[in-house]
Amino acid sequence: MDSTVWKILRELQYDARISFNALRQHADLSTPDVAERVRKVERGWYSDGPKSLVFWPSQGSQG
């Protein structure tokens, strides 16, 4: 994950109800770009090249 995604995650950790428009200001991205990055994290994956993969299993998943 790049530093922009970490900025977004920090802001969401501070305020989980923050709007994409407000996140846009912290991440220096457009609102649709912020929404896309948040959706990738919500889906449980975010790839940052061939060497790293971060996976957050869904609640209640096994394994």
N, C-alpha and C. Protein backbone atom coordinates (compact mmCIF):
# COMPACT_ATOMS: atom_id res chain seq x y z
N MET A 1 0.85 -1.17 0.00
CA MET A 1 0.00 0.00 0.00
C MET A 1 0.89 1.23 0.00
N ASP A 2 0.45 2.22 -0.70
CA ASP A 2 1.24 3.45 -0.75
C ASP A 2 0.88 4.39 0.40
N SER A 3 1.62 5.47 0.51
CA SER A 3 1.41 6.40 1.62
C SER A 3 0.02 7.05 1.58
N THR A 4 -0.54 7.19 0.40
CA THR A 4 -1.88 7.78 0.28
C THR A 4 -2.93 6.89 0.94
N VAL A 5 -2.83 5.58 0.72
CA VAL A 5 -3.78 4.66 1.34
C VAL A 5 -3.62 4.69 2.85
N TRP A 6 -2.38 4.78 3.33
CA TRP A 6 -2.16 4.86 4.78
C TRP A 6 -2.76 6.14 5.35
N LYS A 7 -2.68 7.24 4.62
CA LYS A 7 -3.32 8.49 5.07
C LYS A 7 -4.82 8.29 5.19
N ILE A 8 -5.40 7.67 4.18
CA ILE A 8 -6.84 7.42 4.18
C ILE A 8 -7.22 6.53 5.37
N LEU A 9 -6.45 5.46 5.59
CA LEU A 9 -6.74 4.57 6.70
C LEU A 9 -6.61 5.25 8.06
N ARG A 10 -5.62 6.13 8.20
CA ARG A 10 -5.48 6.88 9.46
C ARG A 10 -6.69 7.76 9.71
N GLU A 11 -7.14 8.44 8.67
CA GLU A 11 -8.31 9.31 8.82
C GLU A 11 -9.56 8.50 9.14
N LEU A 12 -9.71 7.35 8.49
CA LEU A 12 -10.87 6.49 8.77
C LEU A 12 -10.81 5.92 10.18
N GLN A 13 -9.62 5.65 10.67
CA GLN A 13 -9.49 5.16 12.03
C GLN A 13 -9.88 6.24 13.02
N TYR A 14 -9.53 7.48 12.71
CA TYR A 14 -9.88 8.60 13.58
C TYR A 14 -11.37 8.88 13.53
N ASP A 15 -11.95 8.85 12.31
CA ASP A 15 -13.38 9.14 12.12
C ASP A 15 -13.93 8.21 11.04
N ALA A 16 -14.54 7.13 11.44
CA ALA A 16 -15.04 6.13 10.49
C ALA A 16 -16.20 6.64 9.65
N ARG A 17 -16.80 7.75 10.05
CA ARG A 17 -17.94 8.29 9.31
C ARG A 17 -17.56 9.47 8.40
N ILE A 18 -16.26 9.69 8.21
CA ILE A 18 -15.79 10.80 7.38
C ILE A 18 -16.26 10.59 5.94
N SER A 19 -16.59 11.66 5.26
CA SER A 19 -17.06 11.56 3.88
C SER A 19 -15.88 11.41 2.92
N PHE A 20 -16.16 10.89 1.73
CA PHE A 20 -15.11 10.79 0.71
C PHE A 20 -14.59 12.18 0.35
N ASN A 21 -15.47 13.16 0.37
CA ASN A 21 -15.06 14.52 0.04
C ASN A 21 -14.06 15.04 1.07
N ALA A 22 -14.30 14.77 2.34
CA ALA A 22 -13.36 15.19 3.39
C ALA A 22 -12.06 14.39 3.29
N LEU A 23 -12.15 13.10 3.00
CA LEU A 23 -10.95 12.29 2.83
C LEU A 23 -10.10 12.80 1.67
N ARG A 24 -10.76 13.26 0.64
CA ARG A 24 -10.08 13.80 -0.54
C ARG A 24 -9.10 14.90 -0.15
N GLN A 25 -9.50 15.73 0.77
CA GLN A 25 -8.65 16.84 1.20
C GLN A 25 -7.40 16.34 1.92
N HIS A 26 -7.51 15.26 2.66
CA HIS A 26 -6.37 14.71 3.40
C HIS A 26 -5.44 13.92 2.49
N ALA A 27 -5.99 13.31 1.45
CA ALA A 27 -5.22 12.41 0.60
C ALA A 27 -4.71 13.06 -0.68
N ASP A 28 -5.11 14.29 -0.95
CA ASP A 28 -4.72 14.99 -2.19
C ASP A 28 -5.10 14.20 -3.44
N LEU A 29 -6.31 13.66 -3.44
CA LEU A 29 -6.85 12.91 -4.57
C LEU A 29 -8.24 13.45 -4.90
N SER A 30 -8.76 13.03 -6.04
CA SER A 30 -10.14 13.36 -6.36
C SER A 30 -11.07 12.47 -5.53
N THR A 31 -12.30 12.89 -5.40
CA THR A 31 -13.27 12.11 -4.63
C THR A 31 -13.46 10.70 -5.21
N PRO A 32 -13.59 10.53 -6.55
CA PRO A 32 -13.72 9.17 -7.09
C PRO A 32 -12.49 8.30 -6.81
N ASP A 33 -11.30 8.89 -6.84
CA ASP A 33 -10.09 8.12 -6.54
C ASP A 33 -10.07 7.66 -5.08
N VAL A 34 -10.48 8.53 -4.18
CA VAL A 34 -10.56 8.15 -2.76
C VAL A 34 -11.57 7.03 -2.59
N ALA A 35 -12.73 7.16 -3.22
CA ALA A 35 -13.77 6.14 -3.11
C ALA A 35 -13.27 4.79 -3.62
N GLU A 36 -12.54 4.79 -4.72
CA GLU A 36 -12.01 3.55 -5.27
C GLU A 36 -11.02 2.89 -4.31
N ARG A 37 -10.15 3.68 -3.71
CA ARG A 37 -9.17 3.11 -2.77
C ARG A 37 -9.85 2.58 -1.51
N VAL A 38 -10.85 3.29 -1.02
CA VAL A 38 -11.57 2.81 0.16
C VAL A 38 -12.30 1.51 -0.18
N ARG A 39 -12.91 1.43 -1.35
CA ARG A 39 -13.62 0.21 -1.75
C ARG A 39 -12.66 -0.98 -1.86
N LYS A 40 -11.45 -0.75 -2.36
CA LYS A 40 -10.46 -1.83 -2.43
C LYS A 40 -10.14 -2.35 -1.04
N VAL A 41 -9.97 -1.46 -0.10
CA VAL A 41 -9.69 -1.88 1.28
C VAL A 41 -10.89 -2.60 1.86
N GLU A 42 -12.10 -2.08 1.61
CA GLU A 42 -13.32 -2.71 2.13
C GLU A 42 -13.52 -4.11 1.57
N ARG A 43 -13.12 -4.33 0.33
CA ARG A 43 -13.26 -5.65 -0.29
C ARG A 43 -12.31 -6.67 0.33
N GLY A 44 -11.33 -6.18 1.06
CA GLY A 44 -10.43 -7.09 1.74
C GLY A 44 -9.10 -7.29 1.08
N TRP A 45 -8.79 -6.50 0.05
CA TRP A 45 -7.47 -6.66 -0.56
C TRP A 45 -6.99 -5.32 -1.09
N TYR A 46 -5.69 -5.25 -1.15
CA TYR A 46 -5.04 -4.10 -1.77
C TYR A 46 -3.68 -4.55 -2.22
N SER A 47 -3.42 -4.50 -3.49
CA SER A 47 -2.15 -4.95 -4.04
C SER A 47 -1.28 -3.75 -4.36
N ASP A 48 -0.01 -3.84 -4.01
CA ASP A 48 0.95 -2.78 -4.29
C ASP A 48 2.13 -3.39 -5.03
N GLY A 49 1.88 -3.91 -6.19
CA GLY A 49 2.93 -4.53 -6.97
C GLY A 49 3.01 -6.03 -6.73
N PRO A 50 3.94 -6.67 -7.40
CA PRO A 50 4.00 -8.13 -7.35
C PRO A 50 4.54 -8.70 -6.04
N LYS A 51 5.17 -7.89 -5.20
CA LYS A 51 5.82 -8.43 -4.01
C LYS A 51 5.00 -8.33 -2.75
N SER A 52 3.92 -7.59 -2.75
CA SER A 52 3.17 -7.46 -1.50
C SER A 52 1.67 -7.56 -1.75
N LEU A 53 1.01 -8.17 -0.81
CA LEU A 53 -0.44 -8.28 -0.85
C LEU A 53 -0.93 -8.23 0.58
N VAL A 54 -1.87 -7.36 0.82
CA VAL A 54 -2.46 -7.25 2.15
C VAL A 54 -3.89 -7.76 2.04
N PHE A 55 -4.26 -8.67 2.93
CA PHE A 55 -5.59 -9.26 2.89
C PHE A 55 -6.21 -9.19 4.28
N TRP A 56 -7.38 -8.58 4.36
CA TRP A 56 -8.12 -8.53 5.61
C TRP A 56 -9.33 -9.43 5.45
N PRO A 57 -9.34 -10.58 6.13
CA PRO A 57 -10.49 -11.48 5.99
C PRO A 57 -11.78 -10.85 6.52
N SER A 58 -12.86 -11.26 5.95
CA SER A 58 -14.17 -10.78 6.39
C SER A 58 -14.46 -11.29 7.80
N GLN A 59 -15.32 -10.57 8.48
CA GLN A 59 -15.73 -11.01 9.81
C GLN A 59 -16.38 -12.38 9.70
N GLY A 60 -15.99 -13.27 10.58
CA GLY A 60 -16.59 -14.59 10.60
C GLY A 60 -16.00 -15.58 9.64
N SER A 61 -14.98 -15.17 8.87
CA SER A 61 -14.38 -16.11 7.93
C SER A 61 -13.49 -17.09 8.67
N GLN A 62 -13.33 -18.23 8.10
CA GLN A 62 -12.50 -19.28 8.71
C GLN A 62 -11.12 -19.27 8.06
N GLY A 63 -10.08 -19.53 8.85
CA GLY A 63 -8.74 -19.69 8.32
C GLY A 63 -7.93 -18.56 8.53
